[in-house]
């Protein structure tokens, strides 16, 4: 290729970019006055028309905010972004503050005349006062279902799982209960025949009334209908279930919602040579509920990683004696720390240098100064993903319980503790009866659903100090400290009864399943493996005696 031909490409590209920039400038001369004209219509419009106009304005401002900076109109882009956020606030507040609306319209009209800074955003209207929750350990679930039989069946089944469930057949009765006590989650029928307002409309209104949204699951006859799904998501739904509802599957989603809410605080390690700045970051993150340590000497990184076990590391790029990327590479040299997200914090705006730092070792690059909200959001999202990944590696993917090796280790730990303290502990082996028949007749998806349901039931019914794991396939292993075999039998037998009452749905039909269990108590003559084997033999005896029962293994002390 001729060298002159090669140099013509960048020149042609530059000319094309200039042409596009000129076209964008000409477009602005038409669009900005139109924005000002639409803004003037807001003041005289009724509430419905205002909402429509605001939606159109927000869309146009969003597009303008995203494109203006690309073409060199950075100030205009920032103005458009501020006004877009202002429009979103107005849509949320249902246009009830006329004075602030006047300010918003005036700012839009200024934007239409010239690219100057927009006025300060209006203060958002206050939300309804948050009501107190129950203080005990059991979760409260409110069910809004117009069909009495369906609602009562759901209430009873969730009660079997250990929830405190209440059924309401009308919006009015549910609303009255909500004014007295907030539940931990809501289950709402999307349609509610006979009501003036559909369930999703009510859920949307309720979300605006509360300081914090409640976990919401939606029941519908039209799960595949996109409009219903969109309406549910906008109302804050975290799950959509078609009727007839597979309640064990619904309960599994509830458990997932609660586990995300009640986790331990995220652990964050900050490495920055500016102590004042690091202290401010620490204060902001601590205020958001996180645990924070500050690393002032890079050479102590190993001790902090080992003792604090951070879930996110914040690194300043330009530190004396050891740069952020160098410290990140040291962290990445150890396989045990590969899972930890590394976020660079730096005033460096050169994209090439940022990318070079990320390529060496790192996951994100945040340019200083960063707002408090942006810092919290960035760290929270990374920590959340890191914990999910860590849990996925340490726990059984289907049930969320401890894996085979980890639950076996718990048997040894609890046996040692029991022998040291003189207290009794029990080991329980549980197995789903005729599980192969479930897979053969209803499919492996239904079988997985049964396994998840039993895991959730065990998690709900056992204590927090108890250890629970999936031993393999349809078999579970539980370790109950400070619990005699006779006490364990009462607990496990109640679980057996509750499990038999669950109804599973597959191919439009219902089926139920039972379980069998064997229990062994700790004694001085059994090591951990012998203890587990005794529980397994008791389980085999329960199976051999007809299944759907719980048996206790004879103590080795009595045998001797």
Protein backbone atom coordinates (compact mmCIF):
# COMPACT_ATOMS: atom_id res chain seq x y z
CA UNK A 1 0.00 0.00 0.00
CA UNK A 2 1.27 3.48 -0.86
CA UNK A 3 2.15 5.54 2.23
CA UNK A 4 -0.04 8.42 1.03
CA UNK A 5 -2.97 6.01 0.72
CA UNK A 6 -2.43 4.82 4.30
CA UNK A 7 -2.44 8.37 5.73
CA UNK A 8 -5.67 9.20 3.92
CA UNK A 9 -7.73 6.91 6.17
CA UNK A 10 -7.27 8.89 9.41
CA UNK A 11 -7.85 12.13 7.53
CA UNK A 12 -11.10 10.83 6.04
CA UNK A 13 -12.19 9.57 9.47
CA UNK A 14 -11.46 12.96 10.98
CA UNK A 15 -13.50 14.69 8.31
CA UNK A 16 -16.38 12.28 8.91
CA UNK A 17 -16.29 12.93 12.63
CA UNK A 18 -16.31 16.67 12.02
CA UNK A 19 -19.28 16.26 9.70
CA UNK A 20 -21.17 14.25 12.32
CA UNK A 21 -20.35 16.90 14.91
CA UNK A 22 -21.73 19.62 12.64
CA UNK A 23 -24.91 17.60 12.07
CA UNK A 24 -25.33 17.13 15.80
CA UNK A 25 -24.88 20.87 16.36
CA UNK A 26 -27.58 21.62 13.78
CA UNK A 27 -29.86 19.07 15.41
CA UNK A 28 -29.44 20.79 18.76
CA UNK A 29 -30.66 24.04 17.23
CA UNK A 30 -33.96 22.28 16.53
CA UNK A 31 -34.31 20.00 19.56
CA UNK A 32 -33.47 22.44 22.36
CA UNK A 33 -36.25 24.92 21.53
CA UNK A 34 -38.65 21.98 21.24
CA UNK A 35 -37.67 20.86 24.75
CA UNK A 36 -38.40 24.34 26.08
CA UNK A 37 -41.78 24.36 24.34
CA UNK A 38 -42.73 20.95 25.84
CA UNK A 39 -41.64 22.16 29.24
CA UNK A 40 -44.03 25.09 29.05
CA UNK A 41 -46.91 22.67 28.49
CA UNK A 42 -46.27 20.94 31.85
CA UNK A 43 -47.68 23.77 33.97
CA UNK A 44 -51.13 23.76 32.37
CA UNK A 45 -51.46 19.98 31.88
CA UNK A 46 -53.51 17.70 34.11
CA UNK A 47 -51.76 14.97 36.12
CA UNK A 48 -52.13 12.26 33.44
CA UNK A 49 -50.85 14.53 30.69
CA UNK A 50 -47.99 15.73 32.89
CA UNK A 51 -46.85 12.17 33.43
CA UNK A 52 -46.85 11.52 29.67
CA UNK A 53 -44.95 14.73 28.95
CA UNK A 54 -42.41 13.96 31.68
CA UNK A 55 -41.83 10.50 30.24
CA UNK A 56 -41.13 12.01 26.82
CA UNK A 57 -38.90 14.71 28.27
CA UNK A 58 -36.98 12.22 30.36
CA UNK A 59 -36.35 10.05 27.31
CA UNK A 60 -35.10 13.02 25.27
CA UNK A 61 -32.93 14.30 28.10
CA UNK A 62 -31.47 10.81 28.62
CA UNK A 63 -30.52 10.60 24.97
CA UNK A 64 -29.06 14.10 25.03
CA UNK A 65 -27.05 13.39 28.17
CA UNK A 66 -25.51 10.33 26.55
CA UNK A 67 -24.62 11.93 23.23
CA UNK A 68 -23.69 15.57 23.97
CA UNK A 69 -20.39 14.77 25.69
CA UNK A 70 -19.31 12.50 22.84
CA UNK A 71 -19.59 15.41 20.43
CA UNK A 72 -17.79 17.85 22.70
CA UNK A 73 -20.79 19.46 24.45
CA UNK A 74 -19.83 18.28 27.94
CA UNK A 75 -21.55 21.11 29.82
CA UNK A 76 -24.77 20.56 27.91
CA UNK A 77 -24.54 16.82 28.58
CA UNK A 78 -24.22 17.42 32.32
CA UNK A 79 -27.18 19.79 32.28
CA UNK A 80 -29.27 17.21 30.46
CA UNK A 81 -28.23 14.50 32.93
CA UNK A 82 -29.21 16.67 35.92
CA UNK A 83 -32.59 17.46 34.38
CA UNK A 84 -33.16 13.81 33.47
CA UNK A 85 -32.74 12.88 37.14
CA UNK A 86 -35.04 15.75 38.04
CA UNK A 87 -37.70 14.38 35.67
CA UNK A 88 -37.39 10.92 37.24
CA UNK A 89 -37.97 12.42 40.69
CA UNK A 90 -41.09 14.13 39.44
CA UNK A 91 -42.44 10.91 37.96
CA UNK A 92 -41.87 9.19 41.31
CA UNK A 93 -43.48 11.93 43.38
CA UNK A 94 -46.64 12.02 41.21
CA UNK A 95 -46.26 15.74 40.47
CA UNK A 96 -47.57 17.06 43.79
CA UNK A 97 -45.26 20.01 44.50
CA UNK A 98 -46.17 22.89 42.21
CA UNK A 99 -43.38 25.21 43.32
CA UNK A 100 -40.64 22.73 42.51
CA UNK A 101 -42.36 21.92 39.23
CA UNK A 102 -42.10 25.59 38.30
CA UNK A 103 -38.36 25.46 39.00
CA UNK A 104 -38.00 22.34 36.87
CA UNK A 105 -39.86 23.92 33.93
CA UNK A 106 -37.80 27.09 34.20
CA UNK A 107 -34.57 25.07 34.12
CA UNK A 108 -35.74 23.22 31.01
CA UNK A 109 -36.60 26.50 29.28
CA UNK A 110 -33.15 27.87 30.11
CA UNK A 111 -31.67 24.73 28.56
CA UNK A 112 -33.67 25.44 25.41
CA UNK A 113 -32.18 28.90 25.10
CA UNK A 114 -28.52 28.26 25.87
CA UNK A 115 -26.25 25.58 27.38
CA UNK A 116 -25.89 26.91 30.92
CA UNK A 117 -25.88 25.11 34.27
CA UNK A 118 -29.20 23.74 35.43
CA UNK A 119 -30.70 24.79 38.76
CA UNK A 120 -30.41 22.67 41.90
CA UNK A 121 -32.62 19.58 41.98
CA UNK A 122 -35.76 19.66 44.07
CA UNK A 123 -35.77 17.87 47.37
CA UNK A 124 -37.65 14.57 47.05
CA UNK A 125 -40.90 14.26 48.93
CA UNK A 126 -40.84 12.16 52.07
CA UNK A 127 -42.08 8.59 52.12
CA UNK A 128 -44.32 6.86 54.55
CA UNK A 129 -42.85 6.07 57.96
CA UNK A 130 -41.37 2.61 58.21
CA UNK A 131 -43.36 0.39 60.55
CA UNK A 132 -41.66 -1.92 63.07
CA UNK A 133 -41.07 -5.56 62.25
CA UNK A 134 -41.49 -8.59 64.46
CA UNK A 135 -38.42 -9.17 66.62
CA UNK A 136 -38.44 -12.97 66.86
CA UNK A 137 -36.56 -15.31 64.55
CA UNK A 138 -39.50 -16.62 62.51
CA UNK A 139 -40.24 -14.86 59.24
CA UNK A 140 -43.67 -13.34 58.67
CA UNK A 141 -45.20 -13.73 55.21
CA UNK A 142 -48.36 -11.91 54.10
CA UNK A 143 -50.32 -13.56 51.28
CA UNK A 144 -52.84 -11.60 49.20
CA UNK A 145 -54.90 -14.18 47.31
CA UNK A 146 -58.58 -13.77 46.38
CA UNK A 147 -59.29 -17.52 46.16
CA UNK A 148 -59.73 -18.66 49.77
CA UNK A 149 -58.79 -22.31 49.16
CA UNK A 150 -55.60 -21.40 47.28
CA UNK A 151 -54.55 -18.84 49.87
CA UNK A 152 -55.19 -21.13 52.82
CA UNK A 153 -53.29 -24.00 51.22
CA UNK A 154 -50.34 -21.69 50.63
CA UNK A 155 -50.51 -20.41 54.22
CA UNK A 156 -50.54 -23.94 55.63
CA UNK A 157 -47.67 -25.15 53.47
CA UNK A 158 -45.47 -22.15 54.31
CA UNK A 159 -46.31 -22.75 57.98
CA UNK A 160 -44.96 -26.29 57.53
CA UNK A 161 -41.70 -24.73 56.41
CA UNK A 162 -41.54 -22.75 59.66
CA UNK A 163 -42.80 -19.35 58.48
CA UNK A 164 -45.53 -17.38 60.22
CA UNK A 165 -47.85 -16.98 57.24
CA UNK A 166 -51.08 -14.97 57.12
CA UNK A 167 -53.63 -15.01 54.31
CA UNK A 168 -55.70 -12.01 53.20
CA UNK A 169 -58.40 -12.22 50.54
CA UNK A 170 -58.78 -8.46 49.91
CA UNK A 171 -56.58 -5.40 49.50
CA UNK A 172 -58.42 -3.64 52.31
CA UNK A 173 -57.72 -6.38 54.87
CA UNK A 174 -54.05 -6.59 53.86
CA UNK A 175 -53.67 -2.82 53.99
CA UNK A 176 -55.09 -2.72 57.50
CA UNK A 177 -52.61 -5.37 58.64
CA UNK A 178 -49.69 -3.51 57.02
CA UNK A 179 -50.52 -0.39 58.99
CA UNK A 180 -50.08 -2.39 62.18
CA UNK A 181 -47.09 -4.58 61.29
CA UNK A 182 -44.77 -4.98 58.32
CA UNK A 183 -44.09 -8.58 57.23
CA UNK A 184 -40.75 -9.86 56.02
CA UNK A 185 -42.13 -10.57 52.54
CA UNK A 186 -45.29 -10.26 50.46
CA UNK A 187 -46.91 -12.76 48.10
CA UNK A 188 -49.53 -11.09 45.91
CA UNK A 189 -51.90 -12.37 43.23
CA UNK A 190 -51.46 -10.25 40.12
CA UNK A 191 -55.13 -10.05 39.10
CA UNK A 192 -57.34 -10.27 42.21
CA UNK A 193 -60.78 -10.79 40.59
CA UNK A 194 -63.47 -8.64 42.15
CA UNK A 195 -61.10 -5.87 43.26
CA UNK A 196 -61.23 -2.38 41.78
CA UNK A 197 -57.41 -2.36 41.64
CA UNK A 198 -55.26 -5.27 40.52
CA UNK A 199 -52.68 -6.75 42.86
CA UNK A 200 -49.71 -5.38 40.91
CA UNK A 201 -51.09 -1.84 40.98
CA UNK A 202 -51.47 -2.10 44.74
CA UNK A 203 -47.92 -3.49 45.10
CA UNK A 204 -46.58 -0.55 43.09
CA UNK A 205 -48.40 1.96 45.29
CA UNK A 206 -47.24 0.20 48.43
CA UNK A 207 -43.63 0.33 47.28
CA UNK A 208 -43.84 4.13 47.06
CA UNK A 209 -45.27 4.33 50.59
CA UNK A 210 -42.47 2.42 52.32
CA UNK A 211 -38.96 3.59 53.16
CA UNK A 212 -37.59 0.22 52.06
CA UNK A 213 -39.30 -2.15 49.62
CA UNK A 214 -40.44 -5.54 50.91
CA UNK A 215 -39.40 -8.72 49.08
CA UNK A 216 -42.30 -9.34 46.68
CA UNK A 217 -43.33 -12.54 44.93
CA UNK A 218 -46.15 -12.44 42.38
CA UNK A 219 -48.66 -15.15 41.45
CA UNK A 220 -50.18 -15.09 37.98
CA UNK A 221 -52.20 -17.07 35.47
CA UNK A 222 -50.14 -15.52 32.64
CA UNK A 223 -46.47 -15.96 33.45
CA UNK A 224 -45.48 -15.97 29.77
CA UNK A 225 -47.27 -12.67 29.17
CA UNK A 226 -44.56 -10.01 28.73
CA UNK A 227 -46.81 -7.15 29.85
CA UNK A 228 -47.53 -8.94 33.13
CA UNK A 229 -43.84 -9.65 33.69
CA UNK A 230 -42.94 -6.02 33.00
CA UNK A 231 -45.67 -4.79 35.34
CA UNK A 232 -44.43 -7.17 38.05
CA UNK A 233 -40.81 -6.04 37.73
CA UNK A 234 -41.84 -2.40 37.91
CA UNK A 235 -43.77 -3.20 41.09
CA UNK A 236 -40.54 -4.63 42.57
CA UNK A 237 -41.18 -8.36 42.11
CA UNK A 238 -38.28 -10.69 42.89
CA UNK A 239 -40.09 -13.75 41.57
CA UNK A 240 -43.05 -14.59 39.30
CA UNK A 241 -44.89 -17.91 39.76
CA UNK A 242 -47.62 -19.34 37.58
CA UNK A 243 -50.72 -21.03 39.01
CA UNK A 244 -51.14 -23.68 40.26
CA UNK A 245 -48.18 -22.60 42.38
CA UNK A 246 -45.39 -25.01 43.20
CA UNK A 247 -45.09 -23.79 46.80
CA UNK A 248 -41.78 -25.55 47.63
CA UNK A 249 -40.25 -23.77 44.64
CA UNK A 250 -41.75 -20.48 45.84
CA UNK A 251 -40.34 -21.09 49.33
CA UNK A 252 -36.93 -21.69 47.81
CA UNK A 253 -37.08 -18.22 46.26
CA UNK A 254 -38.13 -16.73 49.61
CA UNK A 255 -35.16 -18.34 51.30
CA UNK A 256 -32.84 -16.89 48.66
CA UNK A 257 -34.29 -13.40 49.22
CA UNK A 258 -33.80 -13.63 52.98
CA UNK A 259 -30.29 -15.05 52.76
CA UNK A 260 -29.24 -12.02 50.66
CA UNK A 261 -30.67 -9.66 53.27
CA UNK A 262 -29.29 -11.25 56.43
CA UNK A 263 -25.68 -11.94 55.50
CA UNK A 264 -22.66 -10.85 57.53
CA UNK A 265 -21.22 -7.36 56.83
CA UNK A 266 -18.92 -7.16 53.83
CA UNK A 267 -15.19 -6.89 54.66
CA UNK A 268 -13.18 -4.20 52.86
CA UNK A 269 -9.42 -3.57 52.95
CA UNK A 270 -8.20 -0.08 51.95
CA UNK A 271 -4.57 0.55 50.94
CA UNK A 272 -3.85 4.26 50.48
CA UNK A 273 -0.87 6.36 51.57
CA UNK A 274 -3.17 9.35 52.16
CA UNK A 275 -4.37 8.47 55.65
CA UNK A 276 -6.98 11.22 55.83
CA UNK A 277 -8.53 10.10 52.56
CA UNK A 278 -8.43 6.44 53.60
CA UNK A 279 -10.09 7.37 56.87
CA UNK A 280 -12.87 9.15 55.04
CA UNK A 281 -13.45 6.13 52.78
CA UNK A 282 -13.47 3.93 55.86
CA UNK A 283 -16.01 6.15 57.60
CA UNK A 284 -18.33 6.14 54.58
CA UNK A 285 -18.16 2.36 54.15
CA UNK A 286 -18.57 1.69 57.87
CA UNK A 287 -21.62 3.92 57.86
CA UNK A 288 -23.00 1.69 55.08
CA UNK A 289 -22.65 -1.33 57.38
CA UNK A 290 -19.32 -2.73 56.14
CA UNK A 291 -16.26 -3.84 58.13
CA UNK A 292 -13.16 -1.91 57.09
CA UNK A 293 -9.43 -2.13 57.75
CA UNK A 294 -6.81 0.36 56.52
CA UNK A 295 -3.44 -0.87 55.27
CA UNK A 296 -0.81 1.86 55.67
CA UNK A 297 2.25 -0.37 55.16
CA UNK A 298 2.14 -2.50 51.97
CA UNK A 299 4.54 -5.02 53.51
CA UNK A 300 1.79 -6.02 55.97
CA UNK A 301 -0.57 -7.08 53.16
CA UNK A 302 -0.12 -10.79 53.92
CA UNK A 303 -1.17 -10.45 57.55
CA UNK A 304 -4.25 -8.43 56.61
CA UNK A 305 -5.31 -10.90 53.92
CA UNK A 306 -4.83 -13.86 56.23
CA UNK A 307 -6.39 -12.42 59.40
CA UNK A 308 -9.07 -10.10 58.02
CA UNK A 309 -9.96 -12.15 54.90
CA UNK A 310 -11.30 -9.17 52.92
CA UNK A 311 -13.95 -9.54 50.24
CA UNK A 312 -12.86 -6.37 48.40
CA UNK A 313 -9.52 -4.54 48.26
CA UNK A 314 -9.33 -0.81 47.44
CA UNK A 315 -5.88 0.24 46.18
CA UNK A 316 -4.46 3.66 45.50
CA UNK A 317 -2.51 3.51 42.25
CA UNK A 318 0.27 5.97 43.10
CA UNK A 319 1.80 5.00 46.44
CA UNK A 320 5.47 5.45 47.39
CA UNK A 321 7.79 2.43 47.51
CA UNK A 322 5.06 0.10 46.13
CA UNK A 323 2.47 1.11 43.55
CA UNK A 324 -1.10 -0.13 43.54
CA UNK A 325 -0.63 -2.36 40.47
CA UNK A 326 2.50 -3.88 42.03
CA UNK A 327 0.62 -4.64 45.25
CA UNK A 328 -2.23 -6.09 43.18
CA UNK A 329 0.18 -8.42 41.39
CA UNK A 330 1.54 -9.59 44.76
CA UNK A 331 -2.00 -10.44 45.83
CA UNK A 332 -2.69 -12.29 42.59
CA UNK A 333 0.44 -14.44 43.00
CA UNK A 334 -1.37 -16.46 45.68
CA UNK A 335 -4.16 -18.72 44.41
CA UNK A 336 -6.04 -18.39 47.71
CA UNK A 337 -6.63 -14.69 46.99
CA UNK A 338 -7.57 -14.88 43.33
CA UNK A 339 -11.26 -14.50 44.18
CA UNK A 340 -10.80 -11.07 45.89
CA UNK A 341 -11.92 -8.16 43.66
CA UNK A 342 -9.36 -5.35 43.43
CA UNK A 343 -10.61 -1.82 42.81
CA UNK A 344 -8.14 0.94 41.96
CA UNK A 345 -8.83 4.42 43.32
CA UNK A 346 -6.81 7.16 41.62
CA UNK A 347 -6.96 10.68 40.25
CA UNK A 348 -5.34 9.29 37.08
CA UNK A 349 -7.58 10.11 34.10
CA UNK A 350 -5.33 8.78 31.34
CA UNK A 351 -7.28 5.86 29.86
CA UNK A 352 -4.14 4.12 28.68
CA UNK A 353 -2.63 4.13 32.16
CA UNK A 354 -5.90 2.95 33.67
CA UNK A 355 -6.13 0.05 31.25
CA UNK A 356 -2.50 -0.87 31.85
CA UNK A 357 -3.16 -1.09 35.59
CA UNK A 358 -6.22 -3.27 35.03
CA UNK A 359 -4.40 -5.60 32.65
CA UNK A 360 -1.63 -6.24 35.18
CA UNK A 361 -4.02 -7.10 38.00
CA UNK A 362 -7.33 -5.55 38.95
CA UNK A 363 -11.06 -5.62 38.36
CA UNK A 364 -12.22 -2.00 38.34
CA UNK A 365 -10.84 1.53 38.13
CA UNK A 366 -12.57 4.43 39.90
CA UNK A 367 -11.40 7.98 39.27
CA UNK A 368 -11.03 10.32 42.23
CA UNK A 369 -12.86 12.29 43.44
CA UNK A 370 -15.67 9.77 43.93
CA UNK A 371 -18.93 10.58 45.68
CA UNK A 372 -19.85 8.73 48.85
CA UNK A 373 -22.84 7.06 47.19
CA UNK A 374 -20.75 5.96 44.20
CA UNK A 375 -18.07 4.54 46.51
CA UNK A 376 -20.61 2.53 48.50
CA UNK A 377 -22.37 1.27 45.36
CA UNK A 378 -19.10 0.23 43.69
CA UNK A 379 -17.77 -1.62 46.72
CA UNK A 380 -21.12 -3.19 47.56
CA UNK A 381 -21.65 -4.61 44.06
CA UNK A 382 -18.16 -6.12 43.95
CA UNK A 383 -18.40 -7.54 47.49
CA UNK A 384 -21.80 -9.04 46.79
CA UNK A 385 -20.54 -10.83 43.69
CA UNK A 386 -17.41 -12.03 45.50
CA UNK A 387 -19.46 -13.51 48.34
CA UNK A 388 -21.84 -15.23 45.94
CA UNK A 389 -18.87 -16.77 44.16
CA UNK A 390 -17.26 -17.84 47.43
CA UNK A 391 -20.50 -19.41 48.66
CA UNK A 392 -20.93 -21.18 45.33
CA UNK A 393 -17.50 -22.77 45.71
CA UNK A 394 -17.98 -23.77 49.37
CA UNK A 395 -21.59 -24.96 49.23
CA UNK A 396 -23.67 -27.40 47.25
CA UNK A 397 -24.99 -25.57 44.18
CA UNK A 398 -28.48 -27.12 44.28
CA UNK A 399 -29.30 -26.69 47.97
CA UNK A 400 -26.89 -24.07 49.32
CA UNK A 401 -25.93 -26.49 52.10
CA UNK A 402 -22.43 -27.61 53.11
CA UNK A 403 -20.79 -30.06 50.76
CA UNK A 404 -19.87 -33.66 51.61
CA UNK A 405 -16.38 -33.00 52.98
CA UNK A 406 -17.40 -29.93 55.00
CA UNK A 407 -20.35 -31.58 56.77
CA UNK A 408 -18.20 -34.62 57.60
CA UNK A 409 -15.69 -32.24 59.18
CA UNK A 410 -18.49 -30.77 61.30
CA UNK A 411 -19.21 -34.24 62.70
CA UNK A 412 -15.60 -34.48 63.92
CA UNK A 413 -15.65 -30.94 65.34
CA UNK A 414 -18.90 -31.50 67.23
CA UNK A 415 -17.81 -34.89 68.57
CA UNK A 416 -14.62 -33.36 69.95
CA UNK A 417 -16.59 -30.51 71.55
CA UNK A 418 -19.12 -32.91 73.08
CA UNK A 419 -16.42 -35.13 74.58
CA UNK A 420 -14.64 -32.08 76.00
CA UNK A 421 -17.77 -30.53 77.55
CA UNK A 422 -19.51 -33.76 78.56
CA UNK A 423 -22.66 -32.76 76.64
CA UNK A 424 -24.44 -35.08 74.20
CA UNK A 425 -24.73 -34.35 70.50
CA UNK A 426 -26.59 -36.17 67.74
CA UNK A 427 -25.81 -36.98 64.14
CA UNK A 428 -28.71 -37.47 61.75
CA UNK A 429 -28.69 -39.14 58.34
CA UNK A 430 -31.77 -38.41 56.22
CA UNK A 431 -32.75 -39.90 52.87
CA UNK A 432 -35.70 -39.25 50.52
CA UNK A 433 -37.79 -42.38 50.07
CA UNK A 434 -38.14 -43.84 46.56
CA UNK A 435 -36.30 -40.90 45.04
CA UNK A 436 -35.47 -42.79 41.85
CA UNK A 437 -39.21 -43.18 41.29
CA UNK A 438 -39.61 -39.39 41.52
CA UNK A 439 -37.00 -38.87 38.80
CA UNK A 440 -38.40 -41.66 36.60
CA UNK A 441 -42.05 -40.58 36.86
CA UNK A 442 -41.76 -36.79 37.08
CA UNK A 443 -38.35 -35.93 35.63
CA UNK A 444 -35.04 -34.75 37.09
CA UNK A 445 -36.23 -31.14 37.37
CA UNK A 446 -38.98 -32.28 39.72
CA UNK A 447 -36.42 -34.36 41.61
CA UNK A 448 -34.19 -31.32 42.06
CA UNK A 449 -37.19 -29.39 43.33
CA UNK A 450 -37.87 -32.07 45.96
CA UNK A 451 -34.22 -31.98 47.12
CA UNK A 452 -34.30 -28.17 47.40
CA UNK A 453 -37.58 -28.30 49.33
CA UNK A 454 -36.19 -30.73 51.90
CA UNK A 455 -33.03 -28.64 52.24
CA UNK A 456 -35.11 -25.51 52.89
CA UNK A 457 -37.38 -27.32 55.33
CA UNK A 458 -34.40 -28.59 57.30
CA UNK A 459 -32.83 -25.13 57.29
CA UNK A 460 -36.04 -23.58 58.60
CA UNK A 461 -36.74 -26.20 61.26
CA UNK A 462 -33.26 -26.73 62.67
CA UNK A 463 -31.44 -24.29 64.94
CA UNK A 464 -28.78 -21.84 63.84
CA UNK A 465 -26.16 -23.74 65.87
CA UNK A 466 -26.95 -26.96 63.99
CA UNK A 467 -24.85 -27.91 60.96
CA UNK A 468 -26.50 -29.19 57.82
CA UNK A 469 -25.06 -30.59 54.62
CA UNK A 470 -25.93 -32.51 51.49
CA UNK A 471 -24.08 -35.77 51.92
CA UNK A 472 -24.75 -36.93 48.38
CA UNK A 473 -27.64 -37.27 45.95
CA UNK A 474 -30.87 -37.30 47.95
CA UNK A 475 -29.07 -37.93 51.27
CA UNK A 476 -28.52 -35.29 53.97
CA UNK A 477 -26.40 -35.17 57.11
CA UNK A 478 -27.16 -32.96 60.13
CA UNK A 479 -25.17 -32.38 63.32
CA UNK A 480 -27.16 -31.23 66.36
CA UNK A 481 -24.99 -30.06 69.30
CA UNK A 482 -26.27 -30.22 72.90
CA UNK A 483 -29.07 -32.54 71.77
CA UNK A 484 -29.69 -36.12 72.91
CA UNK A 485 -30.85 -38.75 70.38
CA UNK A 486 -34.31 -38.75 71.99
CA UNK A 487 -34.59 -34.96 71.59
CA UNK A 488 -33.29 -35.21 68.05
CA UNK A 489 -35.90 -37.84 67.25
CA UNK A 490 -38.75 -35.49 68.23
CA UNK A 491 -37.31 -32.73 66.04
CA UNK A 492 -36.62 -34.92 63.02
CA UNK A 493 -39.95 -36.72 63.27
CA UNK A 494 -41.79 -33.39 63.08
CA UNK A 495 -39.73 -32.52 60.00
CA UNK A 496 -40.67 -35.92 58.54
CA UNK A 497 -44.37 -35.17 59.04
CA UNK A 498 -44.10 -31.67 57.56
CA UNK A 499 -42.21 -32.97 54.55
CA UNK A 500 -44.86 -35.60 53.85
CA UNK A 501 -47.51 -32.83 53.80
CA UNK A 502 -45.75 -30.84 51.05
CA UNK A 503 -47.30 -31.00 47.59
CA UNK A 504 -45.11 -30.87 44.50
CA UNK A 505 -46.31 -30.02 40.99
CA UNK A 506 -45.05 -31.67 37.80
CA UNK A 507 -46.74 -31.94 34.40
CA UNK A 508 -49.87 -30.34 35.83
CA UNK A 509 -50.28 -32.99 38.53
CA UNK A 510 -49.44 -33.12 42.22
CA UNK A 511 -47.38 -35.65 44.15
CA UNK A 512 -45.90 -36.00 47.63
CA UNK A 513 -42.75 -37.62 48.98
CA UNK A 514 -41.61 -39.02 52.34
CA UNK A 515 -38.25 -39.36 54.07
CA UNK A 516 -36.51 -41.73 56.45
CA UNK A 517 -33.88 -40.87 59.05
CA UNK A 518 -31.37 -42.50 61.38
CA UNK A 519 -29.90 -40.90 64.51
CA UNK A 520 -26.76 -41.66 66.50
CA UNK A 521 -25.66 -39.98 69.73
CA UNK A 522 -22.09 -39.20 70.66
CA UNK A 523 -20.26 -41.48 73.11
CA UNK A 524 -16.69 -42.12 74.21
CA UNK A 525 -16.39 -45.31 72.16
CA UNK A 526 -17.12 -43.87 68.67
CA UNK A 527 -14.93 -41.67 66.54
CA UNK A 528 -16.44 -39.34 63.94
CA UNK A 529 -16.60 -41.91 61.16
CA UNK A 530 -18.06 -44.57 63.44
CA UNK A 531 -20.66 -42.08 64.64
CA UNK A 532 -21.73 -41.37 61.07
CA UNK A 533 -21.78 -45.08 60.24
CA UNK A 534 -24.07 -45.78 63.21
CA UNK A 535 -26.48 -43.08 62.03
CA UNK A 536 -26.33 -44.58 58.54
CA UNK A 537 -27.16 -48.05 59.88
CA UNK A 538 -30.14 -46.62 61.76
CA UNK A 539 -31.26 -44.99 58.50
CA UNK A 540 -30.98 -48.36 56.73
CA UNK A 541 -33.07 -49.95 59.49
CA UNK A 542 -35.75 -47.27 59.02
CA UNK A 543 -35.80 -47.99 55.28
CA UNK A 544 -35.94 -51.74 55.86
CA UNK A 545 -38.84 -51.34 58.30
CA UNK A 546 -41.09 -49.67 55.77
CA UNK A 547 -39.66 -46.14 55.28
CA UNK A 548 -41.24 -42.82 56.33
CA UNK A 549 -39.93 -43.16 59.88
CA UNK A 550 -37.08 -42.20 62.22
CA UNK A 551 -34.92 -44.68 64.16
CA UNK A 552 -32.20 -44.28 66.79
CA UNK A 553 -29.00 -46.32 66.70
CA UNK A 554 -28.03 -48.25 69.80
CA UNK A 555 -25.19 -46.64 71.75
CA UNK A 556 -21.79 -48.35 71.62
CA UNK A 557 -21.58 -47.76 75.38
CA UNK A 558 -24.66 -49.94 75.91
CA UNK A 559 -23.35 -52.57 73.55
CA UNK A 560 -20.12 -52.81 75.47
